PDB file of N, CA and C in Angstrom:
ATOM      1  N   MET A   1       0.846  -1.174   0.000  1.00  0.00           N
ATOM      2  CA  MET A   1       0.000   0.000   0.000  1.00  0.00           C
ATOM      3  C   MET A   1       0.898   1.246   0.000  1.00  0.00           C
ATOM      4  N   ALA A   2       0.609   2.172  -0.881  1.00  0.00           N
ATOM      5  CA  ALA A   2       1.398   3.396  -0.974  1.00  0.00           C
ATOM      6  C   ALA A   2       1.111   4.309   0.215  1.00  0.00           C
ATOM      7  N   ARG A   3       2.166   4.957   0.665  1.00  0.00           N
ATOM      8  CA  ARG A   3       2.027   5.907   1.769  1.00  0.00           C
ATOM      9  C   ARG A   3       1.912   7.311   1.210  1.00  0.00           C
ATOM     10  N   TRP A   4       1.147   8.130   1.937  1.00  0.00           N
ATOM     11  CA  TRP A   4       1.091   9.537   1.584  1.00  0.00           C
ATOM     12  C   TRP A   4       2.341  10.220   2.082  1.00  0.00           C
ATOM     13  N   LYS A   5       2.671  11.286   1.436  1.00  0.00           N
ATOM     14  CA  LYS A   5       3.789  12.104   1.885  1.00  0.00           C
ATOM     15  C   LYS A   5       3.378  12.777   3.201  1.00  0.00           C
ATOM     16  N   LYS A   6       4.244  12.723   4.190  1.00  0.00           N
ATOM     17  CA  LYS A   6       3.934  13.359   5.474  1.00  0.00           C
ATOM     18  C   LYS A   6       3.799  14.860   5.259  1.00  0.00           C
ATOM     19  N   PRO A   7       2.717  15.447   5.766  1.00  0.00           N
ATOM     20  CA  PRO A   7       2.532  16.894   5.586  1.00  0.00           C
ATOM     21  C   PRO A   7       3.480  17.689   6.480  1.00  0.00           C
ATOM     22  N   THR A   8       3.752  18.893   6.056  1.00  0.00           N
ATOM     23  CA  THR A   8       4.572  19.797   6.865  1.00  0.00           C
ATOM     24  C   THR A   8       3.718  20.350   7.998  1.00  0.00           C
ATOM     25  N   LYS A   9       4.352  20.996   8.955  1.00  0.00           N
ATOM     26  CA  LYS A   9       3.605  21.625  10.051  1.00  0.00           C
ATOM     27  C   LYS A   9       2.627  22.663   9.504  1.00  0.00           C
ATOM     28  N   GLU A  10       3.038  23.368   8.477  1.00  0.00           N
ATOM     29  CA  GLU A  10       2.176  24.381   7.870  1.00  0.00           C
ATOM     30  C   GLU A  10       0.955  23.730   7.218  1.00  0.00           C
ATOM     31  N   GLU A  11       1.172  22.615   6.549  1.00  0.00           N
ATOM     32  CA  GLU A  11       0.055  21.907   5.925  1.00  0.00           C
ATOM     33  C   GLU A  11      -0.908  21.356   6.977  1.00  0.00           C
ATOM     34  N   ILE A  12      -0.377  20.853   8.083  1.00  0.00           N
ATOM     35  CA  ILE A  12      -1.234  20.359   9.162  1.00  0.00           C
ATOM     36  C   ILE A  12      -2.077  21.504   9.710  1.00  0.00           C
ATOM     37  N   LEU A  13      -1.471  22.655   9.923  1.00  0.00           N
ATOM     38  CA  LEU A  13      -2.207  23.817  10.427  1.00  0.00           C
ATOM     39  C   LEU A  13      -3.284  24.243   9.443  1.00  0.00           C
ATOM     40  N   GLU A  14      -2.951  24.255   8.161  1.00  0.00           N
ATOM     41  CA  GLU A  14      -3.934  24.617   7.138  1.00  0.00           C
ATOM     42  C   GLU A  14      -5.091  23.615   7.116  1.00  0.00           C
ATOM     43  N   ASN A  15      -4.776  22.320   7.206  1.00  0.00           N
ATOM     44  CA  ASN A  15      -5.822  21.289   7.246  1.00  0.00           C
ATOM     45  C   ASN A  15      -6.731  21.490   8.455  1.00  0.00           C
ATOM     46  N   ARG A  16      -6.125  21.788   9.607  1.00  0.00           N
ATOM     47  CA  ARG A  16      -6.900  22.009  10.824  1.00  0.00           C
ATOM     48  C   ARG A  16      -7.835  23.207  10.665  1.00  0.00           C
ATOM     49  N   GLN A  17      -7.322  24.295  10.085  1.00  0.00           N
ATOM     50  CA  GLN A  17      -8.144  25.496   9.892  1.00  0.00           C
ATOM     51  C   GLN A  17      -9.301  25.226   8.939  1.00  0.00           C
ATOM     52  N   THR A  18      -9.037  24.474   7.891  1.00  0.00           N
ATOM     53  CA  THR A  18     -10.088  24.134   6.929  1.00  0.00           C
ATOM     54  C   THR A  18     -11.170  23.283   7.592  1.00  0.00           C
ATOM     55  N   LEU A  19     -10.749  22.262   8.350  1.00  0.00           N
ATOM     56  CA  LEU A  19     -11.719  21.414   9.045  1.00  0.00           C
ATOM     57  C   LEU A  19     -12.498  22.210  10.085  1.00  0.00           C
ATOM     58  N   ALA A  20     -11.828  23.097  10.805  1.00  0.00           N
ATOM     59  CA  ALA A  20     -12.499  23.905  11.822  1.00  0.00           C
ATOM     60  C   ALA A  20     -13.569  24.785  11.184  1.00  0.00           C
ATOM     61  N   GLU A  21     -13.256  25.373  10.044  1.00  0.00           N
ATOM     62  CA  GLU A  21     -14.242  26.217   9.365  1.00  0.00           C
ATOM     63  C   GLU A  21     -15.431  25.385   8.892  1.00  0.00           C
ATOM     64  N   ARG A  22     -15.162  24.215   8.358  1.00  0.00           N
ATOM     65  CA  ARG A  22     -16.262  23.337   7.923  1.00  0.00           C
ATOM     66  C   ARG A  22     -17.120  22.917   9.114  1.00  0.00           C
ATOM     67  N   ALA A  23     -16.495  22.654  10.263  1.00  0.00           N
ATOM     68  CA  ALA A  23     -17.250  22.284  11.465  1.00  0.00           C
ATOM     69  C   ALA A  23     -18.109  23.455  11.929  1.00  0.00           C
ATOM     70  N   ARG A  24     -17.544  24.672  11.918  1.00  0.00           N
ATOM     71  CA  ARG A  24     -18.288  25.862  12.352  1.00  0.00           C
ATOM     72  C   ARG A  24     -19.520  26.104  11.502  1.00  0.00           C
ATOM     73  N   THR A  25     -19.417  25.784  10.223  1.00  0.00           N
ATOM     74  CA  THR A  25     -20.538  26.033   9.320  1.00  0.00           C
ATOM     75  C   THR A  25     -21.470  24.826   9.199  1.00  0.00           C
ATOM     76  N   GLY A  26     -21.173  23.771   9.952  1.00  0.00           N
ATOM     77  CA  GLY A  26     -22.035  22.595   9.930  1.00  0.00           C
ATOM     78  C   GLY A  26     -21.844  21.722   8.710  1.00  0.00           C
ATOM     79  N   ASN A  27     -20.724  21.880   8.015  1.00  0.00           N
ATOM     80  CA  ASN A  27     -20.461  21.119   6.789  1.00  0.00           C
ATOM     81  C   ASN A  27     -19.443  20.016   6.985  1.00  0.00           C
ATOM     82  N   LEU A  28     -19.379  19.466   8.173  1.00  0.00           N
ATOM     83  CA  LEU A  28     -18.414  18.404   8.453  1.00  0.00           C
ATOM     84  C   LEU A  28     -19.115  17.334   9.276  1.00  0.00           C
ATOM     85  N   ARG A  29     -19.087  16.126   8.797  1.00  0.00           N
ATOM     86  CA  ARG A  29     -19.720  15.007   9.483  1.00  0.00           C
ATOM     87  C   ARG A  29     -18.638  14.067  10.005  1.00  0.00           C
ATOM     88  N   LEU A  30     -18.975  13.298  11.014  1.00  0.00           N
ATOM     89  CA  LEU A  30     -18.008  12.462  11.718  1.00  0.00           C
ATOM     90  C   LEU A  30     -17.168  11.569  10.811  1.00  0.00           C
ATOM     91  N   PRO A  31     -17.766  10.724   9.967  1.00  0.00           N
ATOM     92  CA  PRO A  31     -16.912   9.824   9.175  1.00  0.00           C
ATOM     93  C   PRO A  31     -15.872  10.572   8.344  1.00  0.00           C
ATOM     94  N   GLU A  32     -16.301  11.607   7.641  1.00  0.00           N
ATOM     95  CA  GLU A  32     -15.345  12.336   6.803  1.00  0.00           C
ATOM     96  C   GLU A  32     -14.350  13.121   7.650  1.00  0.00           C
ATOM     97  N   ALA A  33     -14.762  13.606   8.805  1.00  0.00           N
ATOM     98  CA  ALA A  33     -13.842  14.345   9.686  1.00  0.00           C
ATOM     99  C   ALA A  33     -12.706  13.446  10.154  1.00  0.00           C
ATOM    100  N   VAL A  34     -13.034  12.230  10.563  1.00  0.00           N
ATOM    101  CA  VAL A  34     -12.007  11.308  11.049  1.00  0.00           C
ATOM    102  C   VAL A  34     -11.029  10.986   9.921  1.00  0.00           C
ATOM    103  N   ALA A  35     -11.556  10.702   8.748  1.00  0.00           N
ATOM    104  CA  ALA A  35     -10.684  10.392   7.608  1.00  0.00           C
ATOM    105  C   ALA A  35      -9.805  11.590   7.254  1.00  0.00           C
ATOM    106  N   GLU A  36     -10.360  12.779   7.284  1.00  0.00           N
ATOM    107  CA  GLU A  36      -9.577  13.960   6.928  1.00  0.00           C
ATOM    108  C   GLU A  36      -8.544  14.300   7.993  1.00  0.00           C
ATOM    109  N   ILE A  37      -8.859  14.089   9.251  1.00  0.00           N
ATOM    110  CA  ILE A  37      -7.871  14.303  10.314  1.00  0.00           C
ATOM    111  C   ILE A  37      -6.714  13.332  10.113  1.00  0.00           C
ATOM    112  N   ARG A  38      -7.038  12.076   9.876  1.00  0.00           N
ATOM    113  CA  ARG A  38      -5.996  11.066   9.668  1.00  0.00           C
ATOM    114  C   ARG A  38      -5.130  11.415   8.463  1.00  0.00           C
ATOM    115  N   ARG A  39      -5.776  11.713   7.354  1.00  0.00           N
ATOM    116  CA  ARG A  39      -5.021  12.065   6.143  1.00  0.00           C
ATOM    117  C   ARG A  39      -4.252  13.366   6.327  1.00  0.00           C
ATOM    118  N   GLY A  40      -4.793  14.271   7.138  1.00  0.00           N
ATOM    119  CA  GLY A  40      -4.118  15.529   7.415  1.00  0.00           C
ATOM    120  C   GLY A  40      -2.768  15.334   8.078  1.00  0.00           C
ATOM    121  N   PHE A  41      -2.621  14.224   8.791  1.00  0.00           N
ATOM    122  CA  PHE A  41      -1.345  13.884   9.407  1.00  0.00           C
ATOM    123  C   PHE A  41      -0.510  12.968   8.517  1.00  0.00           C
ATOM    124  N   GLY A  42      -1.050  12.595   7.348  1.00  0.00           N
ATOM    125  CA  GLY A  42      -0.324  11.721   6.430  1.00  0.00           C
ATOM    126  C   GLY A  42      -0.184  10.312   6.969  1.00  0.00           C
ATOM    127  N   MET A  43      -1.191   9.836   7.708  1.00  0.00           N
ATOM    128  CA  MET A  43      -1.113   8.511   8.335  1.00  0.00           C
ATOM    129  C   MET A  43      -2.013   7.510   7.633  1.00  0.00           C
ATOM    130  N   THR A  44      -1.578   6.264   7.678  1.00  0.00           N
ATOM    131  CA  THR A  44      -2.432   5.174   7.230  1.00  0.00           C
ATOM    132  C   THR A  44      -3.438   4.884   8.347  1.00  0.00           C
ATOM    133  N   GLN A  45      -4.454   4.112   8.029  1.00  0.00           N
ATOM    134  CA  GLN A  45      -5.407   3.716   9.061  1.00  0.00           C
ATOM    135  C   GLN A  45      -4.704   2.947  10.171  1.00  0.00           C
ATOM    136  N   GLU A  46      -3.755   2.113   9.808  1.00  0.00           N
ATOM    137  CA  GLU A  46      -3.016   1.311  10.792  1.00  0.00           C
ATOM    138  C   GLU A  46      -2.235   2.209  11.749  1.00  0.00           C
ATOM    139  N   GLU A  47      -1.522   3.186  11.206  1.00  0.00           N
ATOM    140  CA  GLU A  47      -0.740   4.104  12.054  1.00  0.00           C
ATOM    141  C   GLU A  47      -1.641   4.916  12.976  1.00  0.00           C
ATOM    142  N   PHE A  48      -2.732   5.413  12.413  1.00  0.00           N
ATOM    143  CA  PHE A  48      -3.686   6.218  13.174  1.00  0.00           C
ATOM    144  C   PHE A  48      -4.299   5.397  14.301  1.00  0.00           C
ATOM    145  N   ALA A  49      -4.692   4.175  13.990  1.00  0.00           N
ATOM    146  CA  ALA A  49      -5.283   3.284  14.989  1.00  0.00           C
ATOM    147  C   ALA A  49      -4.309   3.003  16.126  1.00  0.00           C
ATOM    148  N   ARG A  50      -3.076   2.701  15.778  1.00  0.00           N
ATOM    149  CA  ARG A  50      -2.060   2.405  16.795  1.00  0.00           C
ATOM    150  C   ARG A  50      -1.865   3.604  17.724  1.00  0.00           C
ATOM    151  N   MET A  51      -1.819   4.806  17.159  1.00  0.00           N
ATOM    152  CA  MET A  51      -1.614   6.010  17.948  1.00  0.00           C
ATOM    153  C   MET A  51      -2.769   6.224  18.936  1.00  0.00           C
ATOM    154  N   LEU A  52      -3.976   5.819  18.546  1.00  0.00           N
ATOM    155  CA  LEU A  52      -5.164   6.010  19.382  1.00  0.00           C
ATOM    156  C   LEU A  52      -5.485   4.812  20.263  1.00  0.00           C
ATOM    157  N   GLY A  53      -4.747   3.732  20.103  1.00  0.00           N
ATOM    158  CA  GLY A  53      -5.034   2.532  20.875  1.00  0.00           C
ATOM    159  C   GLY A  53      -6.265   1.790  20.366  1.00  0.00           C
ATOM    160  N   LEU A  54      -6.497   1.891  19.058  1.00  0.00           N
ATOM    161  CA  LEU A  54      -7.629   1.221  18.416  1.00  0.00           C
ATOM    162  C   LEU A  54      -7.097   0.249  17.378  1.00  0.00           C
ATOM    163  N   THR A  55      -8.004  -0.474  16.733  1.00  0.00           N
ATOM    164  CA  THR A  55      -7.607  -1.353  15.645  1.00  0.00           C
ATOM    165  C   THR A  55      -7.834  -0.647  14.315  1.00  0.00           C
ATOM    166  N   ARG A  56      -7.163  -1.124  13.270  1.00  0.00           N
ATOM    167  CA  ARG A  56      -7.368  -0.556  11.941  1.00  0.00           C
ATOM    168  C   ARG A  56      -8.822  -0.722  11.513  1.00  0.00           C
ATOM    169  N   ARG A  57      -9.400  -1.849  11.881  1.00  0.00           N
ATOM    170  CA  ARG A  57     -10.795  -2.097  11.527  1.00  0.00           C
ATOM    171  C   ARG A  57     -11.725  -1.074  12.184  1.00  0.00           C
ATOM    172  N   GLN A  58     -11.453  -0.729  13.444  1.00  0.00           N
ATOM    173  CA  GLN A  58     -12.276   0.276  14.121  1.00  0.00           C
ATOM    174  C   GLN A  58     -12.195   1.617  13.396  1.00  0.00           C
ATOM    175  N   ILE A  59     -10.995   2.000  12.989  1.00  0.00           N
ATOM    176  CA  ILE A  59     -10.834   3.258  12.259  1.00  0.00           C
ATOM    177  C   ILE A  59     -11.579   3.181  10.931  1.00  0.00           C
ATOM    178  N   ALA A  60     -11.433   2.085  10.215  1.00  0.00           N
ATOM    179  CA  ALA A  60     -12.128   1.924   8.933  1.00  0.00           C
ATOM    180  C   ALA A  60     -13.638   2.028   9.118  1.00  0.00           C
ATOM    181  N   GLU A  61     -14.163   1.414  10.166  1.00  0.00           N
ATOM    182  CA  GLU A  61     -15.607   1.453  10.406  1.00  0.00           C
ATOM    183  C   GLU A  61     -16.077   2.853  10.795  1.00  0.00           C
ATOM    184  N   ILE A  62     -15.266   3.568  11.557  1.00  0.00           N
ATOM    185  CA  ILE A  62     -15.620   4.952  11.906  1.00  0.00           C
ATOM    186  C   ILE A  62     -15.635   5.801  10.638  1.00  0.00           C
ATOM    187  N   GLU A  63     -14.622   5.635   9.792  1.00  0.00           N
ATOM    188  CA  GLU A  63     -14.512   6.431   8.574  1.00  0.00           C
ATOM    189  C   GLU A  63     -15.621   6.140   7.564  1.00  0.00           C
ATOM    190  N   THR A  64     -16.194   4.959   7.609  1.00  0.00           N
ATOM    191  CA  THR A  64     -17.283   4.631   6.679  1.00  0.00           C
ATOM    192  C   THR A  64     -18.655   4.862   7.291  1.00  0.00           C
ATOM    193  N   GLY A  65     -18.685   5.229   8.560  1.00  0.00           N
ATOM    194  CA  GLY A  65     -19.961   5.467   9.228  1.00  0.00           C
ATOM    195  C   GLY A  65     -20.618   4.206   9.739  1.00  0.00           C
ATOM    196  N   ALA A  66     -19.894   3.084   9.741  1.00  0.00           N
ATOM    197  CA  ALA A  66     -20.450   1.806  10.183  1.00  0.00           C
ATOM    198  C   ALA A  66     -20.287   1.590  11.683  1.00  0.00           C
ATOM    199  N   ALA A  67     -19.495   2.439  12.343  1.00  0.00           N
ATOM    200  CA  ALA A  67     -19.226   2.258  13.775  1.00  0.00           C
ATOM    201  C   ALA A  67     -19.965   3.299  14.592  1.00  0.00           C
ATOM    202  N   ASN A  68     -20.100   3.014  15.856  1.00  0.00           N
ATOM    203  CA  ASN A  68     -20.690   3.942  16.816  1.00  0.00           C
ATOM    204  C   ASN A  68     -19.639   4.171  17.904  1.00  0.00           C
ATOM    205  N   PRO A  69     -18.660   5.064  17.638  1.00  0.00           N
ATOM    206  CA  PRO A  69     -17.554   5.232  18.579  1.00  0.00           C
ATOM    207  C   PRO A  69     -18.009   5.814  19.906  1.00  0.00           C
ATOM    208  N   THR A  70     -17.271   5.473  20.949  1.00  0.00           N
ATOM    209  CA  THR A  70     -17.578   6.005  22.278  1.00  0.00           C
ATOM    210  C   THR A  70     -17.149   7.466  22.342  1.00  0.00           C
ATOM    211  N   LEU A  71     -17.668   8.164  23.332  1.00  0.00           N
ATOM    212  CA  LEU A  71     -17.266   9.549  23.549  1.00  0.00           C
ATOM    213  C   LEU A  71     -15.766   9.630  23.791  1.00  0.00           C
ATOM    214  N   GLU A  72     -15.226   8.677  24.536  1.00  0.00           N
ATOM    215  CA  GLU A  72     -13.788   8.656  24.815  1.00  0.00           C
ATOM    216  C   GLU A  72     -12.983   8.591  23.514  1.00  0.00           C
ATOM    217  N   THR A  73     -13.405   7.761  22.578  1.00  0.00           N
ATOM    218  CA  THR A  73     -12.718   7.645  21.297  1.00  0.00           C
ATOM    219  C   THR A  73     -12.826   8.942  20.513  1.00  0.00           C
ATOM    220  N   LEU A  74     -13.995   9.545  20.507  1.00  0.00           N
ATOM    221  CA  LEU A  74     -14.183  10.806  19.791  1.00  0.00           C
ATOM    222  C   LEU A  74     -13.311  11.913  20.378  1.00  0.00           C
ATOM    223  N   VAL A  75     -13.206  11.946  21.695  1.00  0.00           N
ATOM    224  CA  VAL A  75     -12.359  12.947  22.352  1.00  0.00           C
ATOM    225  C   VAL A  75     -10.907  12.751  21.954  1.00  0.00           C
ATOM    226  N   LYS A  76     -10.433  11.502  21.941  1.00  0.00           N
ATOM    227  CA  LYS A  76      -9.048  11.206  21.537  1.00  0.00           C
ATOM    228  C   LYS A  76      -8.780  11.691  20.117  1.00  0.00           C
ATOM    229  N   ILE A  77      -9.702  11.410  19.213  1.00  0.00           N
ATOM    230  CA  ILE A  77      -9.530  11.786  17.813  1.00  0.00           C
ATOM    231  C   ILE A  77      -9.554  13.310  17.665  1.00  0.00           C
ATOM    232  N   GLY A  78     -10.541  13.939  18.265  1.00  0.00           N
ATOM    233  CA  GLY A  78     -10.665  15.390  18.163  1.00  0.00           C
ATOM    234  C   GLY A  78      -9.489  16.131  18.756  1.00  0.00           C
ATOM    235  N   ARG A  79      -8.970  15.634  19.853  1.00  0.00           N
ATOM    236  CA  ARG A  79      -7.851  16.284  20.544  1.00  0.00           C
ATOM    237  C   ARG A  79      -6.635  16.421  19.626  1.00  0.00           C
ATOM    238  N   LEU A  80      -6.463  15.470  18.709  1.00  0.00           N
ATOM    239  CA  LEU A  80      -5.317  15.513  17.794  1.00  0.00           C
ATOM    240  C   LEU A  80      -5.269  16.797  16.974  1.00  0.00           C
ATOM    241  N   PHE A  81      -6.434  17.325  16.625  1.00  0.00           N
ATOM    242  CA  PHE A  81      -6.496  18.541  15.820  1.00  0.00           C
ATOM    243  C   PHE A  81      -6.921  19.745  16.648  1.00  0.00           C
ATOM    244  N   GLY A  82      -6.957  19.580  17.970  1.00  0.00           N
ATOM    245  CA  GLY A  82      -7.346  20.691  18.830  1.00  0.00           C
ATOM    246  C   GLY A  82      -8.837  20.932  18.847  1.00  0.00           C
ATOM    247  N   PHE A  83      -9.619  19.890  18.561  1.00  0.00           N
ATOM    248  CA  PHE A  83     -11.074  20.002  18.562  1.00  0.00           C
ATOM    249  C   PHE A  83     -11.640  19.440  19.857  1.00  0.00           C
ATOM    250  N   SER A  84     -12.799  19.938  20.237  1.00  0.00           N
ATOM    251  CA  SER A  84     -13.536  19.346  21.341  1.00  0.00           C
ATOM    252  C   SER A  84     -14.859  18.832  20.771  1.00  0.00           C
ATOM    253  N   ILE A  85     -15.504  17.996  21.525  1.00  0.00           N
ATOM    254  CA  ILE A  85     -16.768  17.399  21.065  1.00  0.00           C
ATOM    255  C   ILE A  85     -17.909  18.270  21.554  1.00  0.00           C
ATOM    256  N   GLY A  86     -18.854  18.545  20.663  1.00  0.00           N
ATOM    257  CA  GLY A  86     -20.004  19.349  21.041  1.00  0.00           C
ATOM    258  C   GLY A  86     -21.036  19.349  19.934  1.00  0.00           C
ATOM    259  N   PHE A  87     -22.073  20.077  20.169  1.00  0.00           N
ATOM    260  CA  PHE A  87     -23.143  20.208  19.172  1.00  0.00           C
ATOM    261  C   PHE A  87     -22.920  21.471  18.360  1.00  0.00           C
ATOM    262  N   VAL A  88     -23.203  21.374  17.065  1.00  0.00           N
ATOM    263  CA  VAL A  88     -23.096  22.518  16.167  1.00  0.00           C
ATOM    264  C   VAL A  88     -24.489  22.780  15.604  1.00  0.00           C
ATOM    265  N   PRO A  89     -24.944  24.029  15.674  1.00  0.00           N
ATOM    266  CA  PRO A  89     -26.270  24.314  15.136  1.00  0.00           C
ATOM    267  C   PRO A  89     -26.338  23.996  13.639  1.00  0.00           C
ATOM    268  N   LYS A  90     -27.430  23.413  13.245  1.00  0.00           N
ATOM    269  CA  LYS A  90     -27.628  23.083  11.842  1.00  0.00           C
ATOM    270  C   LYS A  90     -28.047  24.336  11.096  1.00  0.00           C
ATOM    271  N   GLY A  91     -27.428  24.580   9.943  1.00  0.00           N
ATOM    272  CA  GLY A  91     -27.755  25.755   9.133  1.00  0.00           C
ATOM    273  C   GLY A  91     -29.163  25.685   8.601  1.00  0.00           C
ATOM    274  N   ASN A  92     -29.723  26.843   8.311  1.00  0.00           N
ATOM    275  CA  ASN A  92     -31.105  26.892   7.795  1.00  0.00           C
ATOM    276  C   ASN A  92     -31.169  26.498   6.362  1.00  0.00           C
TER     277      ASN A  92
END
């Protein structure tokens, strides 16, 4: 499996800002957010899972929307990009 090029610190910051703006506007959903956070760090599912103490399968299921992650797992994932878990008002 091909690896992505590891992003620079500047690219990670830019990815975080983009995701934060999408979250603020209600245009970011959990499965895609997890995948984008992982890719934002240039990690494979296996690397990301190991860092979080999860399995690759758990990450794959979260990214496809097939899993129901615990709050603890969501907090771990969000913390990586400086996010907290909360409700975002739905746009009109």
